[in-house]
Protein backbone atom coordinates (compact mmCIF):
# COMPACT_ATOMS: atom_id res chain seq x y z
CA MET A 1 36.43 14.01 -54.81
CA LYS A 2 33.89 14.89 -57.47
CA THR A 3 31.42 12.40 -55.97
CA SER A 4 31.68 13.96 -52.50
CA ARG A 5 31.02 17.45 -53.93
CA ILE A 6 27.93 16.18 -55.75
CA PHE A 7 26.82 14.37 -52.59
CA THR A 8 27.35 17.57 -50.53
CA MET A 9 25.44 19.60 -53.11
CA VAL A 10 22.56 17.12 -53.08
CA ILE A 11 22.48 17.18 -49.27
CA GLY A 12 22.53 21.00 -49.31
CA ILE A 13 19.70 21.21 -51.83
CA SER A 14 17.71 18.60 -49.89
CA CYS A 15 18.17 20.54 -46.63
CA PHE A 16 17.10 23.77 -48.34
CA ALA A 17 14.02 22.07 -49.80
CA LEU A 18 13.23 20.56 -46.39
CA ILE A 19 13.47 23.95 -44.67
CA ILE A 20 11.28 25.58 -47.32
CA GLY A 21 8.79 22.73 -47.06
CA MET A 22 8.70 22.91 -43.26
CA SER A 23 8.06 26.65 -43.26
CA GLY A 24 4.80 26.00 -45.11
CA CYS A 25 3.75 23.00 -43.03
CA LYS A 26 1.90 25.08 -40.46
CA SER A 27 -0.87 26.03 -42.85
CA LYS A 28 -1.03 22.82 -44.88
CA GLN A 29 -3.60 20.25 -43.94
CA VAL A 30 -3.96 16.71 -45.11
CA VAL A 31 -6.58 16.61 -47.84
CA PRO A 32 -8.41 13.32 -48.55
CA LYS A 33 -7.54 11.61 -51.80
CA GLY A 34 -9.60 12.88 -54.73
CA GLU A 35 -10.26 16.27 -53.07
CA GLU A 36 -8.56 19.61 -53.41
CA ALA A 37 -8.07 22.20 -50.66
CA VAL A 38 -9.64 25.58 -51.42
CA GLU A 39 -8.52 28.81 -49.79
CA LEU A 40 -11.42 31.17 -49.39
CA PRO A 41 -11.06 34.95 -49.26
CA CYS A 42 -11.85 36.63 -45.92
CA ASN A 43 -11.51 33.31 -44.12
CA GLY A 44 -8.98 31.70 -41.82
CA PRO A 45 -7.54 32.16 -38.33
CA GLU A 46 -7.22 35.94 -38.58
CA TYR A 47 -11.02 36.09 -38.99
CA PHE A 48 -11.91 33.80 -36.07
CA THR A 49 -13.79 35.07 -33.04
CA LYS A 50 -11.35 36.31 -30.45
CA LYS A 51 -11.51 37.65 -26.93
CA GLY A 52 -14.13 40.40 -26.75
CA ILE A 53 -15.04 40.24 -30.44
CA ILE A 54 -17.50 37.96 -32.23
CA ARG A 55 -16.68 37.38 -35.89
CA ALA A 56 -18.41 35.67 -38.78
CA THR A 57 -17.47 34.97 -42.38
CA ALA A 58 -19.88 34.34 -45.21
CA MET A 59 -20.34 34.27 -48.97
CA GLY A 60 -23.12 35.45 -51.24
CA GLU A 61 -23.52 34.73 -54.94
CA SER A 62 -25.62 36.42 -57.60
CA SER A 63 -25.51 37.62 -61.19
CA ASP A 64 -25.75 41.13 -59.66
CA GLN A 65 -22.66 42.26 -57.75
CA MET A 66 -24.53 44.29 -55.12
CA LEU A 67 -27.02 41.50 -54.53
CA ALA A 68 -24.09 39.12 -53.95
CA LYS A 69 -22.79 41.57 -51.33
CA LYS A 70 -26.21 41.88 -49.66
CA LYS A 71 -26.50 38.09 -49.48
CA ALA A 72 -23.03 37.80 -47.95
CA GLN A 73 -23.86 40.50 -45.39
CA ALA A 74 -27.16 38.84 -44.49
CA ASN A 75 -25.47 35.44 -44.08
CA SER A 76 -22.72 36.95 -41.93
CA ARG A 77 -25.15 38.85 -39.71
CA GLU A 78 -27.23 35.71 -39.30
CA GLN A 79 -24.12 33.90 -38.03
CA LEU A 80 -23.24 36.80 -35.72
CA ALA A 81 -26.77 36.85 -34.31
CA ALA A 82 -26.80 33.10 -33.75
CA THR A 83 -23.45 33.17 -31.98
CA LEU A 84 -24.45 36.16 -29.89
CA ASN A 85 -27.82 34.64 -28.98
CA VAL A 86 -26.19 31.39 -27.84
CA THR A 87 -23.58 33.33 -25.85
CA ILE A 88 -26.19 35.51 -24.16
CA LYS A 89 -28.57 32.59 -23.51
CA SER A 90 -25.82 30.66 -21.76
CA CYS A 91 -24.79 33.77 -19.88
CA ILE A 92 -28.37 34.44 -18.75
CA ASP A 93 -28.78 30.83 -17.61
CA ASN A 94 -25.59 31.04 -15.55
CA TYR A 95 -26.46 34.48 -14.18
CA TYR A 96 -29.99 33.63 -13.11
CA SER A 97 -29.13 30.20 -11.75
CA SER A 98 -26.94 31.93 -9.18
CA LYS A 99 -29.58 34.53 -8.20
CA ALA A 100 -32.23 33.94 -5.58
CA ILE A 101 -35.04 36.38 -6.25
CA ASP A 102 -38.77 35.79 -5.98
CA ASN A 103 -39.71 35.92 -9.64
CA VAL A 104 -36.59 34.42 -11.24
CA GLU A 105 -38.44 32.96 -14.25
CA GLN A 106 -40.39 36.14 -14.90
CA ALA A 107 -37.23 38.28 -14.68
CA LYS A 108 -35.30 35.81 -16.81
CA THR A 109 -37.98 35.82 -19.52
CA ARG A 110 -38.16 39.62 -19.55
CA PHE A 111 -34.38 39.85 -19.67
CA GLU A 112 -34.12 37.34 -22.56
CA GLY A 113 -36.68 39.34 -24.56
CA MET A 114 -34.84 42.57 -23.86
CA THR A 115 -31.46 41.11 -24.90
CA ARG A 116 -32.95 39.87 -28.19
CA GLN A 117 -33.97 43.46 -28.94
CA VAL A 118 -30.45 44.64 -28.09
CA VAL A 119 -28.90 41.98 -30.35
CA ASP A 120 -31.12 43.14 -33.23
CA GLN A 121 -30.10 46.76 -32.62
CA GLN A 122 -26.40 45.93 -32.28
CA LEU A 123 -26.33 44.02 -35.58
CA SER A 124 -26.86 47.31 -37.36
CA GLY A 125 -23.46 48.39 -36.02
CA VAL A 126 -21.51 45.42 -37.39
CA ALA A 127 -18.05 46.27 -38.75
CA THR A 128 -16.87 44.73 -42.03
CA ILE A 129 -13.21 43.70 -41.70
CA CYS A 130 -12.80 42.00 -45.08
CA GLU A 131 -14.71 42.10 -48.35
CA LYS A 132 -13.60 40.51 -51.62
CA PHE A 133 -15.40 39.86 -54.89
CA THR A 134 -14.76 37.17 -57.49
CA LYS A 135 -16.45 36.43 -60.79
CA THR A 136 -17.21 32.86 -61.80
CA LYS A 137 -17.05 31.21 -65.23
CA GLN A 138 -20.85 31.32 -65.23
CA ASN A 139 -20.68 35.15 -65.03
CA THR A 140 -21.95 35.36 -61.47
CA PHE A 141 -20.37 37.41 -58.70
CA LYS A 142 -19.33 36.01 -55.35
CA CYS A 143 -18.83 38.29 -52.39
CA TYR A 144 -16.76 36.96 -49.49
CA ILE A 145 -17.11 38.92 -46.30
CA ALA A 146 -15.90 38.88 -42.70
CA GLN A 147 -17.68 40.97 -40.09
CA GLU A 148 -17.28 41.54 -36.38
CA LEU A 149 -19.23 42.76 -33.41
CA ASN A 150 -17.59 44.18 -30.30
CA GLY A 151 -18.70 42.49 -27.06
CA GLU A 152 -18.30 45.72 -25.05
CA GLU A 153 -20.79 47.47 -27.34
CA VAL A 154 -23.27 44.65 -26.80
CA LEU A 155 -22.85 44.94 -23.03
CA ALA A 156 -23.30 48.72 -23.19
CA GLY A 157 -26.53 48.21 -25.17
CA ILE A 158 -27.81 45.73 -22.60
CA GLN A 159 -26.93 48.04 -19.71
CA LYS A 160 -28.67 50.98 -21.42
CA LYS A 161 -31.80 48.90 -22.05
CA ILE A 162 -31.86 47.64 -18.44
CA SER A 163 -31.52 51.14 -17.03
CA GLY A 164 -34.80 52.01 -18.79
CA ASP A 165 -36.68 49.13 -17.11
CA GLU A 166 -37.14 49.83 -13.39
CA LYS A 167 -38.08 46.27 -12.37
CA LEU A 168 -35.16 44.70 -14.24
CA ARG A 169 -32.81 47.35 -12.91
CA LEU A 170 -33.73 46.37 -9.34
CA ASP A 171 -33.18 42.64 -10.00
CA PHE A 172 -30.04 43.02 -12.09
CA GLU A 173 -26.39 43.22 -11.08
CA TYR A 174 -24.55 44.52 -14.14
CA GLU A 175 -21.01 43.63 -13.03
CA LYS A 176 -22.00 40.05 -12.26
CA PHE A 177 -23.72 39.73 -15.64
CA LYS A 178 -20.71 41.33 -17.36
CA ASN A 179 -18.41 38.72 -15.80
CA GLU A 180 -20.66 35.90 -17.02
CA PHE A 181 -20.83 37.47 -20.48
CA ASN A 182 -17.04 37.77 -20.69
CA LYS A 183 -16.63 34.13 -19.62
CA GLU A 184 -18.94 33.03 -22.43
CA MET A 185 -17.14 35.27 -24.93
CA ASP A 186 -13.83 33.66 -23.90
CA LYS A 187 -15.31 30.22 -24.60
CA ASN A 188 -16.08 31.33 -28.18
CA ALA A 189 -12.57 32.69 -28.75
CA LYS A 190 -10.33 30.38 -30.75
């Protein structure tokens, strides 16, 4: 009788441990032997690019706390700009490949230049969604940051810029471009 109670208790504890272990399995990844997993602040699935929003995470390190923050911001904005430029380039290629106008290459080149200006302007409106500081054993500061840029704001900036250019305005169909842009944004969403 005593043996069956001990056996039942062991089974119960094992089941409890299994349930607890399984609840954490979603986030655990297999780490190669000799390495250790590191969880970084302001990083992970909740900071991934999602539908309509481009996100980037970065880190900056310096002996000066504000310089660490500036480095992190610069690295994050660089990632946002790169992602946005690739998205827009692909979108422009798809948009202009389906248009049949006389000066497609000239319009495409002018439009690419104009969108680069818009991207540069929009990066000043980046929203910081996470910012954390740590201090290392070497007495340096690390700033971890996650930033995002709203796709609708980018589109609004492009539309505003186009409306100021009469030739582009004549060759451009905003709704068609917007659809292409949203398709490319969806490809980036995780």
